[in-house]
Amino acid sequence: MDGWKVIFEAGYLFALGFVVALSGVLLPGPLLIYVVGKSAEEGVKTGPLVVLGHFSIELLLIVMIMLGVHLILQSPPFTVGLGLLGGTLLLIFGVKEIAAKSGNGNPSGFSHLNVHPYAGGIIFSTFLNPSVPLWWATLGFALLMDAYLLASYFGVVFWSLGHFTADLVWYTFIAYAVWSGKKTVLKHRVNIARICGILLSGFGLYFLLKYGLMLPQFF
């Protein structure tokens, strides 16, 4: 009976982590925009490599949360500072993506810089996507505690595996879709770059407005 209970709990927590992560990655964000922009050049491997970089940060955040460091991540000065920094950088890169062109007429914005996809996964999970650490400090913390209370560290591991699997499946699918339609993507890459730039700028303005409104509490 205990064996079946363990199997049930493992399956439940894996599925829960998968669904929670999938509900998040299905929403457009800076990381998705980066994968779309990079996959036309790097191929299908972009998806898994970006996810490895992304999960490297998430694994670090999970360890920090289990050690109680989430209290620092939840502190207003850290939250506002990270949000404003991320918003500013996203706005800068978004504007560059809209305006920048290389000599042959191809866009030369952030997604076409010579940055390895693994490094891109890290960058777009921290400074260029402040919502990731802030999500883990709030909702992620609550979900991890539920998994821990249900099955201790065993629960945290299986919930995290489900979360990682959802990211891997989704971003690999996106990378494959972009790479399989490479000719179409390259043909319209300037317009795609502009759309990505507009979306990034929108996220940047959103973060600046959201966390800028929190500044008065410090004065």
Protein backbone atom coordinates (compact mmCIF):
# COMPACT_ATOMS: atom_id res chain seq x y z
CA MET A 1 0.00 0.00 0.00
CA ASP A 2 2.81 2.37 0.89
CA GLY A 3 4.43 1.66 -2.45
CA TRP A 4 1.28 2.65 -4.33
CA LYS A 5 0.98 5.77 -2.18
CA VAL A 6 4.50 6.81 -3.10
CA ILE A 7 3.81 6.22 -6.81
CA PHE A 8 0.56 8.20 -6.60
CA GLU A 9 2.21 11.12 -4.80
CA ALA A 10 5.11 11.16 -7.28
CA GLY A 11 2.74 11.13 -10.25
CA TYR A 12 0.48 13.76 -8.72
CA LEU A 13 3.31 16.15 -7.89
CA PHE A 14 4.98 15.64 -11.29
CA ALA A 15 1.67 16.38 -13.04
CA LEU A 16 1.03 19.39 -10.80
CA GLY A 17 4.48 20.84 -11.54
CA PHE A 18 3.97 20.18 -15.26
CA VAL A 19 0.55 21.88 -15.42
CA VAL A 20 1.63 24.88 -13.35
CA ALA A 21 4.71 25.43 -15.51
CA LEU A 22 2.80 24.89 -18.75
CA SER A 23 0.16 27.43 -17.76
CA GLY A 24 2.98 29.94 -17.34
CA VAL A 25 5.08 29.24 -20.44
CA LEU A 26 2.02 29.35 -22.71
CA LEU A 27 1.81 33.08 -21.95
CA PRO A 28 4.17 35.18 -24.14
CA GLY A 29 7.21 36.51 -22.32
CA PRO A 30 10.81 37.66 -22.90
CA LEU A 31 12.17 34.10 -22.80
CA LEU A 32 9.73 32.93 -25.48
CA ILE A 33 10.63 35.91 -27.67
CA TYR A 34 14.32 35.09 -27.29
CA VAL A 35 13.75 31.43 -28.29
CA VAL A 36 11.80 32.49 -31.38
CA GLY A 37 14.51 34.95 -32.41
CA LYS A 38 17.38 32.54 -31.81
CA SER A 39 15.97 29.28 -33.18
CA ALA A 40 16.11 30.38 -36.83
CA GLU A 41 19.90 30.60 -36.46
CA GLU A 42 20.74 27.90 -33.91
CA GLY A 43 18.14 25.26 -34.79
CA VAL A 44 16.05 22.93 -32.63
CA LYS A 45 18.83 22.62 -30.04
CA THR A 46 18.03 26.20 -29.01
CA GLY A 47 14.99 25.01 -27.06
CA PRO A 48 16.68 22.44 -24.79
CA LEU A 49 19.79 24.61 -24.30
CA VAL A 50 17.72 27.64 -23.31
CA VAL A 51 15.70 25.48 -20.90
CA LEU A 52 18.90 24.15 -19.31
CA GLY A 53 20.03 27.73 -18.69
CA HIS A 54 16.59 28.66 -17.44
CA PHE A 55 16.42 25.66 -15.11
CA SER A 56 19.91 26.37 -13.78
CA ILE A 57 18.50 29.61 -12.40
CA GLU A 58 15.30 27.95 -11.22
CA LEU A 59 17.22 25.20 -9.45
CA LEU A 60 19.30 27.83 -7.67
CA LEU A 61 16.12 29.67 -6.68
CA ILE A 62 14.54 26.43 -5.41
CA VAL A 63 17.57 25.78 -3.20
CA MET A 64 17.52 29.38 -1.96
CA ILE A 65 13.81 29.14 -1.17
CA MET A 66 14.30 25.91 0.76
CA LEU A 67 17.03 27.69 2.76
CA GLY A 68 14.72 30.61 3.53
CA VAL A 69 16.36 33.16 1.22
CA HIS A 70 12.97 33.83 -0.40
CA LEU A 71 12.44 36.43 2.34
CA ILE A 72 15.15 38.53 0.71
CA LEU A 73 13.65 38.01 -2.73
CA GLN A 74 10.29 39.18 -1.36
CA SER A 75 11.69 42.34 0.23
CA PRO A 76 10.31 45.54 -1.39
CA PRO A 77 13.73 47.10 -2.15
CA PHE A 78 14.90 43.94 -3.97
CA THR A 79 11.59 43.52 -5.79
CA VAL A 80 11.41 47.13 -6.96
CA GLY A 81 15.11 47.29 -7.86
CA LEU A 82 15.01 44.10 -9.91
CA GLY A 83 11.75 45.10 -11.57
CA LEU A 84 13.03 48.54 -12.60
CA LEU A 85 16.35 47.13 -13.81
CA GLY A 86 14.63 44.46 -15.87
CA GLY A 87 12.10 46.91 -17.26
CA THR A 88 14.82 49.34 -18.32
CA LEU A 89 16.93 46.66 -20.00
CA LEU A 90 13.94 45.14 -21.79
CA LEU A 91 12.93 48.55 -23.09
CA ILE A 92 16.46 49.28 -24.32
CA PHE A 93 16.82 45.93 -26.08
CA GLY A 94 13.29 46.17 -27.45
CA VAL A 95 13.98 49.55 -29.05
CA LYS A 96 17.27 48.25 -30.47
CA GLU A 97 15.49 45.22 -31.90
CA ILE A 98 13.01 47.49 -33.65
CA ALA A 99 15.60 49.86 -35.10
CA ALA A 100 18.82 47.87 -35.54
CA LYS A 101 19.83 46.43 -38.90
CA SER A 102 23.04 44.86 -40.11
CA GLY A 103 24.67 45.86 -43.35
CA ASN A 104 22.76 43.26 -45.37
CA GLY A 105 19.41 44.45 -44.10
CA ASN A 106 18.97 41.72 -41.49
CA PRO A 107 18.12 42.71 -37.95
CA SER A 108 21.01 42.74 -35.50
CA GLY A 109 19.12 43.18 -32.27
CA PHE A 110 19.53 41.18 -29.05
CA SER A 111 18.30 37.82 -30.37
CA HIS A 112 21.00 37.76 -33.03
CA LEU A 113 23.93 38.58 -30.76
CA ASN A 114 26.63 35.96 -30.42
CA VAL A 115 25.29 34.58 -27.13
CA HIS A 116 25.06 30.84 -26.58
CA PRO A 117 21.45 29.68 -25.99
CA TYR A 118 22.39 28.29 -22.56
CA ALA A 119 23.65 31.75 -21.54
CA GLY A 120 20.56 33.26 -23.11
CA GLY A 121 18.39 31.03 -20.93
CA ILE A 122 20.18 32.39 -17.85
CA ILE A 123 20.04 36.04 -18.94
CA PHE A 124 16.36 35.86 -19.84
CA SER A 125 15.58 34.25 -16.50
CA THR A 126 17.18 37.01 -14.42
CA PHE A 127 17.99 40.59 -15.45
CA LEU A 128 15.97 40.53 -18.66
CA ASN A 129 13.01 38.77 -17.10
CA PRO A 130 12.56 39.85 -13.45
CA SER A 131 9.21 38.05 -13.32
CA VAL A 132 11.03 34.70 -12.99
CA PRO A 133 12.75 35.23 -9.58
CA LEU A 134 9.76 37.24 -8.34
CA TRP A 135 7.36 34.42 -9.33
CA TRP A 136 9.50 31.91 -7.44
CA ALA A 137 9.63 34.17 -4.38
CA THR A 138 5.82 34.31 -4.20
CA LEU A 139 3.69 31.70 -5.99
CA GLY A 140 6.63 29.33 -6.52
CA PHE A 141 7.39 29.40 -2.79
CA ALA A 142 3.79 28.51 -1.90
CA LEU A 143 3.70 25.62 -4.39
CA LEU A 144 7.05 24.26 -3.22
CA MET A 145 5.86 24.33 0.39
CA ASP A 146 2.74 22.38 -0.59
CA ALA A 147 4.90 19.76 -2.31
CA TYR A 148 7.24 19.63 0.70
CA LEU A 149 4.40 19.25 3.20
CA LEU A 150 2.91 16.43 1.13
CA ALA A 151 6.07 14.38 0.58
CA SER A 152 9.08 16.24 2.03
CA TYR A 153 12.09 16.65 -0.30
CA PHE A 154 10.79 13.76 -2.38
CA GLY A 155 7.81 15.95 -3.26
CA VAL A 156 9.98 18.96 -4.10
CA VAL A 157 12.06 16.84 -6.49
CA PHE A 158 9.10 15.43 -8.43
CA TRP A 159 7.27 18.76 -8.56
CA SER A 160 10.46 20.38 -9.90
CA LEU A 161 10.90 17.60 -12.48
CA GLY A 162 7.37 18.18 -13.73
CA HIS A 163 8.05 21.91 -13.94
CA PHE A 164 11.29 21.35 -15.87
CA THR A 165 9.64 18.85 -18.25
CA ALA A 166 6.91 21.33 -19.18
CA ASP A 167 9.51 24.00 -19.99
CA LEU A 168 11.54 21.51 -22.02
CA VAL A 169 8.57 20.26 -24.05
CA TRP A 170 7.19 23.71 -24.81
CA TYR A 171 10.40 25.52 -25.77
CA THR A 172 11.69 22.56 -27.78
CA PHE A 173 8.40 22.56 -29.68
CA ILE A 174 8.73 26.31 -30.33
CA ALA A 175 12.33 25.90 -31.51
CA TYR A 176 11.31 23.04 -33.83
CA ALA A 177 8.37 25.04 -35.23
CA VAL A 178 10.62 28.01 -35.98
CA TRP A 179 13.43 25.87 -37.44
CA SER A 180 11.08 23.81 -39.61
CA GLY A 181 9.71 27.03 -41.05
CA LYS A 182 13.17 28.58 -41.32
CA LYS A 183 12.74 29.83 -44.89
CA THR A 184 9.57 31.67 -43.99
CA VAL A 185 11.12 33.02 -40.79
CA LEU A 186 14.24 34.28 -42.57
CA LYS A 187 12.14 35.81 -45.33
CA HIS A 188 10.21 37.85 -42.78
CA ARG A 189 12.93 38.15 -40.15
CA VAL A 190 12.96 41.96 -40.20
CA ASN A 191 9.23 42.13 -39.46
CA ILE A 192 9.54 39.32 -36.89
CA ALA A 193 12.38 41.21 -35.21
CA ARG A 194 10.25 44.35 -35.08
CA ILE A 195 7.33 42.46 -33.56
CA CYS A 196 9.67 40.92 -30.96
CA GLY A 197 11.06 44.38 -30.26
CA ILE A 198 7.59 45.83 -29.77
CA LEU A 199 6.67 43.00 -27.39
CA LEU A 200 9.90 43.39 -25.42
CA SER A 201 9.37 47.15 -25.20
CA GLY A 202 5.84 46.48 -23.98
CA PHE A 203 7.10 44.17 -21.24
CA GLY A 204 9.73 46.77 -20.33
CA LEU A 205 7.15 49.55 -20.01
CA TYR A 206 4.91 47.24 -17.99
CA PHE A 207 7.68 46.47 -15.48
CA LEU A 208 8.70 50.14 -15.26
CA LEU A 209 5.12 51.22 -14.61
CA LYS A 210 4.36 48.40 -12.18
CA TYR A 211 7.46 48.82 -10.03
CA GLY A 212 7.78 52.56 -10.57
CA LEU A 213 4.44 52.99 -8.82
CA MET A 214 5.98 51.24 -5.81
CA LEU A 215 8.82 53.78 -5.47
CA PRO A 216 6.90 56.37 -3.38
CA GLN A 217 6.81 53.96 -0.44
CA PHE A 218 10.57 54.46 -0.02
CA PHE A 219 10.30 58.26 0.32
